N, C-alpha and C. Protein backbone atom coordinates (compact mmCIF):
# COMPACT_ATOMS: atom_id res chain seq x y z
N MET A 1 17.69 -2.52 -3.31
CA MET A 1 16.47 -1.70 -3.39
C MET A 1 15.40 -2.90 -3.45
N LYS A 2 14.45 -2.12 -2.66
CA LYS A 2 13.26 -3.15 -2.59
C LYS A 2 11.95 -2.30 -2.99
N LEU A 3 11.13 -3.14 -3.46
CA LEU A 3 9.64 -3.13 -3.87
C LEU A 3 8.61 -2.92 -2.51
N ILE A 4 7.75 -2.37 -1.87
CA ILE A 4 6.81 -2.54 -0.78
C ILE A 4 5.56 -2.37 -1.46
N ILE A 5 4.66 -3.30 -1.13
CA ILE A 5 3.34 -3.41 -1.60
C ILE A 5 2.55 -3.11 -0.28
N ALA A 6 1.68 -2.15 -0.10
CA ALA A 6 1.15 -2.39 0.90
C ALA A 6 -0.51 -2.22 0.53
N MET A 7 -1.27 -3.30 1.07
CA MET A 7 -2.86 -3.28 0.92
C MET A 7 -3.89 -2.72 2.20
N ILE A 8 -4.16 -1.39 1.52
CA ILE A 8 -4.70 -0.74 3.13
C ILE A 8 -6.19 -0.44 2.74
N GLN A 9 -6.97 0.11 3.69
CA GLN A 9 -8.11 0.58 3.48
C GLN A 9 -8.14 2.02 2.66
N PRO A 10 -9.06 2.17 1.88
CA PRO A 10 -9.10 3.60 1.31
C PRO A 10 -9.04 4.81 2.08
N HIS A 11 -9.87 4.70 3.02
CA HIS A 11 -9.78 6.03 3.91
C HIS A 11 -8.71 6.64 4.73
N LYS A 12 -7.78 5.27 4.79
CA LYS A 12 -6.71 5.43 5.37
C LYS A 12 -5.41 6.13 4.58
N LEU A 13 -5.70 6.47 3.44
CA LEU A 13 -4.60 6.74 2.41
C LEU A 13 -4.28 8.22 2.82
N PRO A 14 -5.02 9.30 3.30
CA PRO A 14 -4.29 10.60 3.39
C PRO A 14 -3.60 10.56 4.71
N ASP A 15 -3.69 9.67 5.95
CA ASP A 15 -2.80 9.22 7.09
C ASP A 15 -1.55 8.77 6.52
N VAL A 16 -1.69 7.64 5.62
CA VAL A 16 -0.42 6.92 5.21
C VAL A 16 0.64 8.10 4.00
N LYS A 17 -0.19 8.57 3.60
CA LYS A 17 0.59 9.95 2.68
C LYS A 17 1.41 10.77 3.55
N LYS A 18 0.56 11.23 4.59
CA LYS A 18 1.27 12.30 5.25
C LYS A 18 2.15 11.97 6.19
N ALA A 19 2.47 10.51 6.52
CA ALA A 19 3.56 9.58 7.45
C ALA A 19 4.55 9.77 6.51
N LEU A 20 4.25 9.28 5.25
CA LEU A 20 5.40 8.89 4.21
C LEU A 20 5.96 10.59 4.03
N TYR A 21 5.51 11.19 3.62
CA TYR A 21 5.97 12.65 3.41
C TYR A 21 6.39 13.04 4.35
N SER A 22 6.41 12.84 5.97
CA SER A 22 7.21 13.33 6.56
C SER A 22 8.78 12.61 6.82
N ILE A 23 8.69 11.53 6.32
CA ILE A 23 9.89 10.78 6.17
C ILE A 23 10.60 10.87 4.79
N ASP A 24 10.23 11.90 3.93
CA ASP A 24 10.66 12.10 2.87
C ASP A 24 10.47 11.39 1.51
N VAL A 25 9.47 10.54 1.74
CA VAL A 25 9.25 9.37 0.51
C VAL A 25 7.88 9.81 -0.31
N PHE A 26 8.03 10.44 -1.15
CA PHE A 26 7.08 10.99 -2.00
C PHE A 26 6.54 10.24 -2.99
N LYS A 27 7.49 9.30 -3.79
CA LYS A 27 7.17 8.71 -4.98
C LYS A 27 6.42 7.32 -4.77
N MET A 28 5.00 7.32 -5.32
CA MET A 28 4.28 6.20 -4.75
C MET A 28 3.02 5.75 -5.87
N THR A 29 2.50 4.60 -6.12
CA THR A 29 1.93 4.28 -7.16
C THR A 29 0.76 3.62 -6.31
N VAL A 30 -0.50 4.44 -6.75
CA VAL A 30 -1.86 3.92 -5.89
C VAL A 30 -2.75 3.34 -6.76
N THR A 31 -3.27 2.15 -6.40
CA THR A 31 -4.20 1.38 -7.34
C THR A 31 -5.55 1.19 -6.51
N ASN A 32 -6.38 1.06 -7.19
CA ASN A 32 -8.05 0.48 -6.60
C ASN A 32 -7.70 -0.98 -6.54
N ALA A 33 -8.01 -1.49 -5.70
CA ALA A 33 -8.01 -3.11 -5.57
C ALA A 33 -9.30 -3.73 -4.78
N LEU A 34 -9.55 -4.77 -5.12
CA LEU A 34 -10.80 -5.44 -4.50
C LEU A 34 -10.18 -6.77 -3.83
N GLY A 35 -10.40 -7.17 -2.40
CA GLY A 35 -9.87 -8.13 -1.74
C GLY A 35 -10.60 -8.61 -0.58
N CYS A 36 -10.24 -9.72 0.07
CA CYS A 36 -10.73 -9.85 1.28
C CYS A 36 -9.41 -10.60 2.12
N GLY A 37 -9.84 -10.74 3.47
CA GLY A 37 -9.00 -11.80 4.14
C GLY A 37 -9.42 -12.26 5.45
N GLN A 38 -9.17 -11.95 6.38
CA GLN A 38 -9.85 -12.51 7.64
C GLN A 38 -11.29 -11.90 7.64
N GLN A 39 -11.49 -10.76 7.15
CA GLN A 39 -12.67 -10.17 7.33
C GLN A 39 -13.65 -10.91 6.39
N LYS A 40 -13.53 -11.63 5.32
CA LYS A 40 -14.26 -12.58 4.61
C LYS A 40 -15.65 -11.74 4.25
N GLY A 41 -15.80 -10.54 4.09
CA GLY A 41 -16.72 -9.65 3.64
C GLY A 41 -17.94 -9.55 4.63
N PHE A 42 -19.14 -9.10 4.14
CA PHE A 42 -20.24 -9.07 4.67
C PHE A 42 -21.80 -9.28 4.08
N SER A 43 -22.74 -9.36 4.64
CA SER A 43 -24.02 -9.47 4.18
C SER A 43 -24.80 -7.93 4.38
N GLU A 44 -25.49 -7.76 3.27
CA GLU A 44 -26.35 -6.49 3.39
C GLU A 44 -27.56 -6.94 2.50
N THR A 45 -28.65 -6.28 2.82
CA THR A 45 -30.28 -6.43 2.49
C THR A 45 -30.21 -5.14 1.54
N TYR A 46 -30.58 -5.56 0.34
CA TYR A 46 -30.99 -4.30 -0.54
C TYR A 46 -32.77 -4.92 -1.18
N ARG A 47 -33.65 -4.14 -0.82
CA ARG A 47 -34.89 -4.45 -1.24
C ARG A 47 -35.42 -5.72 -1.07
N GLY A 48 -35.24 -6.01 0.28
CA GLY A 48 -35.51 -7.51 0.90
C GLY A 48 -34.71 -8.50 0.10
N VAL A 49 -33.41 -8.45 -0.66
CA VAL A 49 -32.79 -9.45 -1.01
C VAL A 49 -31.21 -9.52 -0.30
N ILE A 50 -30.90 -10.63 0.32
CA ILE A 50 -29.82 -10.52 0.75
C ILE A 50 -28.44 -10.44 -0.19
N HIS A 51 -27.71 -9.86 -0.15
CA HIS A 51 -26.42 -9.76 -1.05
C HIS A 51 -25.13 -10.16 -0.11
N GLU A 52 -24.26 -10.80 -0.62
CA GLU A 52 -23.22 -11.18 0.15
C GLU A 52 -22.02 -10.50 -0.79
N VAL A 53 -21.40 -9.60 0.03
CA VAL A 53 -20.38 -9.00 -0.24
C VAL A 53 -19.00 -9.47 0.00
N ASN A 54 -18.20 -10.34 -0.92
CA ASN A 54 -16.96 -10.73 -0.25
C ASN A 54 -15.69 -10.31 -0.70
N LEU A 55 -15.67 -9.41 -1.60
CA LEU A 55 -14.69 -8.46 -2.09
C LEU A 55 -14.69 -7.38 -1.55
N LEU A 56 -14.09 -6.56 -0.70
CA LEU A 56 -13.81 -5.43 -0.24
C LEU A 56 -13.07 -4.73 -0.65
N LYS A 57 -13.36 -3.16 -1.08
CA LYS A 57 -12.63 -2.31 -1.65
C LYS A 57 -11.05 -1.79 -0.86
N LYS A 58 -10.21 -2.00 -1.25
CA LYS A 58 -8.49 -1.71 -0.82
C LYS A 58 -7.91 -0.85 -1.86
N LEU A 59 -6.85 -0.35 -1.31
CA LEU A 59 -6.06 0.12 -1.91
C LEU A 59 -4.84 -0.14 -2.00
N ARG A 60 -4.12 -0.47 -3.22
CA ARG A 60 -2.72 -0.90 -3.40
C ARG A 60 -1.57 0.51 -3.47
N LEU A 61 -0.33 0.22 -2.58
CA LEU A 61 0.55 1.08 -2.38
C LEU A 61 1.81 0.47 -3.33
N ASP A 62 2.11 0.93 -4.21
CA ASP A 62 3.65 0.28 -4.47
C ASP A 62 4.65 1.33 -4.39
N ILE A 63 5.72 1.24 -3.62
CA ILE A 63 6.64 2.13 -3.05
C ILE A 63 8.10 1.28 -3.61
N ALA A 64 8.77 2.07 -4.45
CA ALA A 64 10.29 1.36 -4.53
C ALA A 64 11.11 2.48 -3.98
N VAL A 65 11.72 1.68 -3.23
CA VAL A 65 12.67 2.51 -2.09
C VAL A 65 14.05 1.57 -1.91
N ASN A 66 15.20 2.32 -1.75
CA ASN A 66 16.74 2.29 -1.82
C ASN A 66 16.75 1.21 -0.09
N GLU A 67 17.78 0.65 0.11
CA GLU A 67 17.63 -0.26 1.26
C GLU A 67 17.55 0.75 2.30
N ASP A 68 18.33 2.05 2.39
CA ASP A 68 18.20 2.84 3.59
C ASP A 68 16.58 3.17 3.85
N PHE A 69 15.98 3.24 3.17
CA PHE A 69 14.41 3.58 3.34
C PHE A 69 13.70 2.57 3.66
N VAL A 70 14.01 1.37 3.77
CA VAL A 70 12.69 0.29 3.93
C VAL A 70 12.00 0.37 5.10
N GLN A 71 13.01 0.38 6.10
CA GLN A 71 12.21 0.16 7.42
C GLN A 71 11.47 1.52 8.05
N PRO A 72 12.18 2.76 7.50
CA PRO A 72 11.24 3.71 8.23
C PRO A 72 10.07 3.96 6.98
N THR A 73 10.13 3.64 5.74
CA THR A 73 8.53 3.42 4.82
C THR A 73 7.59 2.32 5.44
N ILE A 74 8.17 1.27 6.11
CA ILE A 74 7.35 0.30 6.68
C ILE A 74 6.53 0.94 7.79
N ASP A 75 7.82 1.47 8.71
CA ASP A 75 6.92 2.34 10.00
C ASP A 75 6.16 3.28 9.83
N ALA A 76 6.36 3.97 8.66
CA ALA A 76 5.43 5.17 7.96
C ALA A 76 4.09 4.60 7.68
N ILE A 77 4.20 3.46 7.06
CA ILE A 77 2.57 3.04 6.44
C ILE A 77 2.18 2.57 7.80
N ILE A 78 2.70 1.74 8.66
CA ILE A 78 1.74 1.43 9.88
C ILE A 78 1.65 2.40 10.70
N LYS A 79 2.10 3.32 10.72
CA LYS A 79 1.59 4.37 11.50
C LYS A 79 0.65 5.21 11.20
N GLY A 80 0.52 5.10 9.99
CA GLY A 80 -0.52 5.79 8.93
C GLY A 80 -1.87 4.90 9.32
N VAL A 81 -1.89 3.51 9.03
CA VAL A 81 -3.03 2.60 8.86
C VAL A 81 -3.42 1.95 10.09
N LYS A 82 -2.66 1.82 11.00
CA LYS A 82 -3.02 0.62 12.19
C LYS A 82 -3.95 1.38 12.82
N THR A 83 -4.81 0.39 12.98
CA THR A 83 -6.17 0.59 14.11
C THR A 83 -6.25 -0.46 15.15
N GLY A 84 -5.60 -1.47 15.07
CA GLY A 84 -5.65 -2.78 15.81
C GLY A 84 -6.92 -3.40 15.50
N LYS A 85 -7.76 -3.54 14.53
CA LYS A 85 -8.84 -4.09 14.23
C LYS A 85 -8.49 -4.93 12.95
N ILE A 86 -9.44 -6.05 12.57
CA ILE A 86 -9.20 -6.63 11.15
C ILE A 86 -9.49 -5.82 10.05
N GLY A 87 -8.58 -6.06 8.97
CA GLY A 87 -8.83 -5.15 7.99
C GLY A 87 -7.78 -4.13 7.78
N ASP A 88 -6.72 -4.12 8.58
CA ASP A 88 -5.71 -2.88 8.59
C ASP A 88 -4.99 -2.99 7.48
N GLY A 89 -5.04 -4.55 7.19
CA GLY A 89 -4.07 -4.45 6.02
C GLY A 89 -2.73 -5.57 5.75
N LYS A 90 -2.06 -5.22 4.99
CA LYS A 90 -0.82 -6.31 4.77
C LYS A 90 -0.06 -5.40 4.12
N ILE A 91 1.48 -5.58 4.55
CA ILE A 91 2.66 -5.09 3.76
C ILE A 91 3.54 -6.08 3.30
N PHE A 92 4.16 -6.11 1.98
CA PHE A 92 4.89 -7.01 1.26
C PHE A 92 6.09 -6.47 0.81
N VAL A 93 7.36 -7.12 1.11
CA VAL A 93 8.58 -6.24 0.68
C VAL A 93 9.31 -7.47 -0.30
N LEU A 94 9.44 -6.93 -1.19
CA LEU A 94 9.83 -7.94 -2.47
C LEU A 94 11.41 -7.11 -3.01
N ASP A 95 12.25 -8.27 -3.05
CA ASP A 95 13.54 -7.76 -3.84
C ASP A 95 13.19 -7.23 -4.97
N LEU A 96 13.66 -5.94 -5.48
CA LEU A 96 13.82 -5.12 -6.93
C LEU A 96 15.03 -5.23 -7.42
N HIS A 97 15.03 -6.08 -8.53
CA HIS A 97 16.46 -6.37 -9.17
C HIS A 97 17.21 -5.34 -10.05
N GLU A 98 16.12 -4.62 -10.50
CA GLU A 98 16.43 -3.68 -11.61
C GLU A 98 15.50 -2.38 -11.63
N CYS A 99 16.14 -1.27 -11.77
CA CYS A 99 14.91 -0.14 -11.75
C CYS A 99 15.68 0.93 -12.96
N ILE A 100 14.71 1.30 -13.84
CA ILE A 100 15.33 2.24 -14.83
C ILE A 100 14.45 3.16 -15.02
N ARG A 101 14.87 4.67 -14.77
CA ARG A 101 14.36 5.76 -15.16
C ARG A 101 14.25 6.10 -16.83
N ILE A 102 13.14 5.82 -17.26
CA ILE A 102 13.17 6.22 -19.06
C ILE A 102 13.47 7.53 -19.39
N ARG A 103 13.24 8.45 -18.87
CA ARG A 103 13.71 9.86 -19.10
C ARG A 103 15.23 10.08 -19.38
N THR A 104 15.97 9.69 -18.41
CA THR A 104 17.42 9.68 -18.30
C THR A 104 18.29 8.42 -18.52
N GLY A 105 17.65 7.13 -18.46
CA GLY A 105 18.41 6.10 -18.39
C GLY A 105 19.15 5.48 -17.43
N ASP A 106 19.04 6.34 -16.22
CA ASP A 106 19.51 5.86 -14.83
C ASP A 106 18.95 4.83 -14.69
N ARG A 107 20.02 4.08 -13.90
CA ARG A 107 19.83 2.58 -13.58
C ARG A 107 19.86 2.54 -12.17
N GLY A 108 19.36 1.44 -11.43
CA GLY A 108 19.63 1.11 -9.98
C GLY A 108 19.25 2.27 -8.94
N HIS A 109 20.10 2.37 -8.19
CA HIS A 109 19.68 3.11 -6.84
C HIS A 109 19.59 4.52 -7.36
N LYS A 110 19.94 5.17 -8.61
CA LYS A 110 20.12 6.41 -8.76
C LYS A 110 18.73 6.61 -9.44
N ALA A 111 18.03 5.62 -10.28
CA ALA A 111 16.83 5.67 -10.84
C ALA A 111 15.93 5.99 -10.04
N ILE A 112 15.71 5.13 -8.55
CA ILE A 112 14.75 5.41 -7.64
C ILE A 112 14.72 6.74 -7.12
N GLY A 113 15.79 7.22 -7.03
CA GLY A 113 15.71 8.62 -6.21
C GLY A 113 15.85 8.77 -4.89
């Protein structure tokens, strides 16, 4: 079992969801986040005052998958997000030691579904 965390541009969420649904991955958690990487933010002028915007809006996707869905899930996220420009995002893959479905008490692979 793995936990896949993807940091993506907010406007790319519909494309990512479409790509994930096409490989039968429907379960995910989406969270608003702020962050910066190579982009380092930007400057804008408002009423004559320069503002440095260092933290940009991002979305964090958390997707728990069984081993056979890891690479297809990564490929689907990349397919939905990739533009080839700075700011496309990052994907992190972590080992998931335990998963428990609260409603039924199922554990492990069965709990992920």
